Amino acid sequence: MLRLFSTLTKILIASLLTGFVLHKLNLSAEDVLLEMGLTPEAVMNTLETSVTWAIPHLLLGSMVIVPVWLVVFLFRPPRG
């Protein structure tokens, strides 16, 4: 758990520093997207499409995986 928190903290600090540098260079997120040939609307549309596709697949998969994991967890020999 500590490793996860440490990694997330490092990512947060790196993102803040990068954002600060880009701001000082007068670059915005929209400018960077336009340089890549994208628009904020296209990114949001792609994100929405991806989430709309992923949610039903996640639910269907979890209906199989969670019961299998529970059975394996319950029948695992005790530790120690």
Protein backbone atom coordinates (compact mmCIF):
# COMPACT_ATOMS: atom_id res chain seq x y z
CA MET A 1 0.00 0.00 0.00
CA LEU A 2 2.87 2.32 0.82
CA ARG A 3 4.44 1.65 -2.60
CA LEU A 4 1.19 2.59 -4.34
CA PHE A 5 0.90 5.81 -2.34
CA SER A 6 4.53 6.65 -3.06
CA THR A 7 4.09 6.07 -6.80
CA LEU A 8 0.90 8.15 -6.93
CA THR A 9 2.64 10.96 -5.04
CA LYS A 10 5.56 10.93 -7.50
CA ILE A 11 3.16 11.05 -10.45
CA LEU A 12 1.28 13.95 -8.85
CA ILE A 13 4.46 15.95 -8.24
CA ALA A 14 5.80 15.26 -11.76
CA SER A 15 2.46 16.31 -13.26
CA LEU A 16 2.38 19.53 -11.25
CA LEU A 17 5.94 20.44 -12.25
CA THR A 18 5.29 19.65 -15.91
CA GLY A 19 2.08 21.69 -15.85
CA PHE A 20 3.91 24.61 -14.26
CA VAL A 21 6.66 24.52 -16.90
CA LEU A 22 4.15 24.30 -19.75
CA HIS A 23 2.19 27.22 -18.25
CA LYS A 24 5.38 29.31 -18.09
CA LEU A 25 5.96 28.46 -21.78
CA ASN A 26 2.44 29.76 -22.54
CA LEU A 27 1.19 26.35 -23.63
CA SER A 28 -2.27 25.13 -22.76
CA ALA A 29 -3.80 21.67 -22.97
CA GLU A 30 -5.78 22.81 -26.00
CA ASP A 31 -2.58 23.97 -27.76
CA VAL A 32 -0.89 20.62 -27.13
CA LEU A 33 -3.95 18.73 -28.41
CA LEU A 34 -4.14 20.89 -31.53
CA GLU A 35 -0.46 20.18 -32.24
CA MET A 36 -1.33 16.47 -32.20
CA GLY A 37 -4.25 17.05 -34.56
CA LEU A 38 -6.92 16.60 -31.91
CA THR A 39 -9.59 18.81 -30.42
CA PRO A 40 -10.85 18.72 -26.84
CA GLU A 41 -14.25 17.68 -28.18
CA ALA A 42 -12.73 14.73 -30.07
CA VAL A 43 -10.87 13.60 -26.95
CA MET A 44 -14.04 13.79 -24.84
CA ASN A 45 -16.00 11.93 -27.53
CA THR A 46 -13.39 9.15 -27.64
CA LEU A 47 -13.36 8.94 -23.85
CA GLU A 48 -17.16 8.74 -23.72
CA THR A 49 -17.22 6.04 -26.40
CA SER A 50 -14.55 4.06 -24.57
CA VAL A 51 -16.38 4.19 -21.25
CA THR A 52 -19.67 3.28 -22.91
CA TRP A 53 -17.98 0.22 -24.43
CA ALA A 54 -16.04 -0.80 -21.30
CA ILE A 55 -18.75 -0.72 -18.62
CA PRO A 56 -20.91 -3.57 -19.98
CA HIS A 57 -17.81 -5.71 -20.57
CA LEU A 58 -16.53 -5.05 -17.04
CA LEU A 59 -19.89 -5.99 -15.54
CA LEU A 60 -20.15 -9.18 -17.59
CA GLY A 61 -16.60 -10.22 -16.75
CA SER A 62 -17.05 -9.51 -13.05
CA MET A 63 -20.14 -11.74 -13.00
CA VAL A 64 -17.79 -14.63 -13.80
CA ILE A 65 -14.54 -13.60 -12.11
CA VAL A 66 -15.88 -12.55 -8.68
CA PRO A 67 -17.68 -15.86 -7.92
CA VAL A 68 -14.65 -17.87 -9.12
CA TRP A 69 -12.33 -15.78 -6.95
CA LEU A 70 -14.66 -16.21 -3.96
CA VAL A 71 -14.71 -20.01 -4.32
CA VAL A 72 -10.92 -20.15 -4.66
CA PHE A 73 -10.53 -17.83 -1.64
CA LEU A 74 -12.89 -19.89 0.52
CA PHE A 75 -11.26 -23.24 -0.29
CA ARG A 76 -7.67 -22.09 0.01
CA PRO A 77 -5.80 -23.73 2.90
CA PRO A 78 -5.23 -21.49 5.93
CA ARG A 79 -1.92 -19.69 6.24
CA GLY A 80 0.45 -20.07 9.12
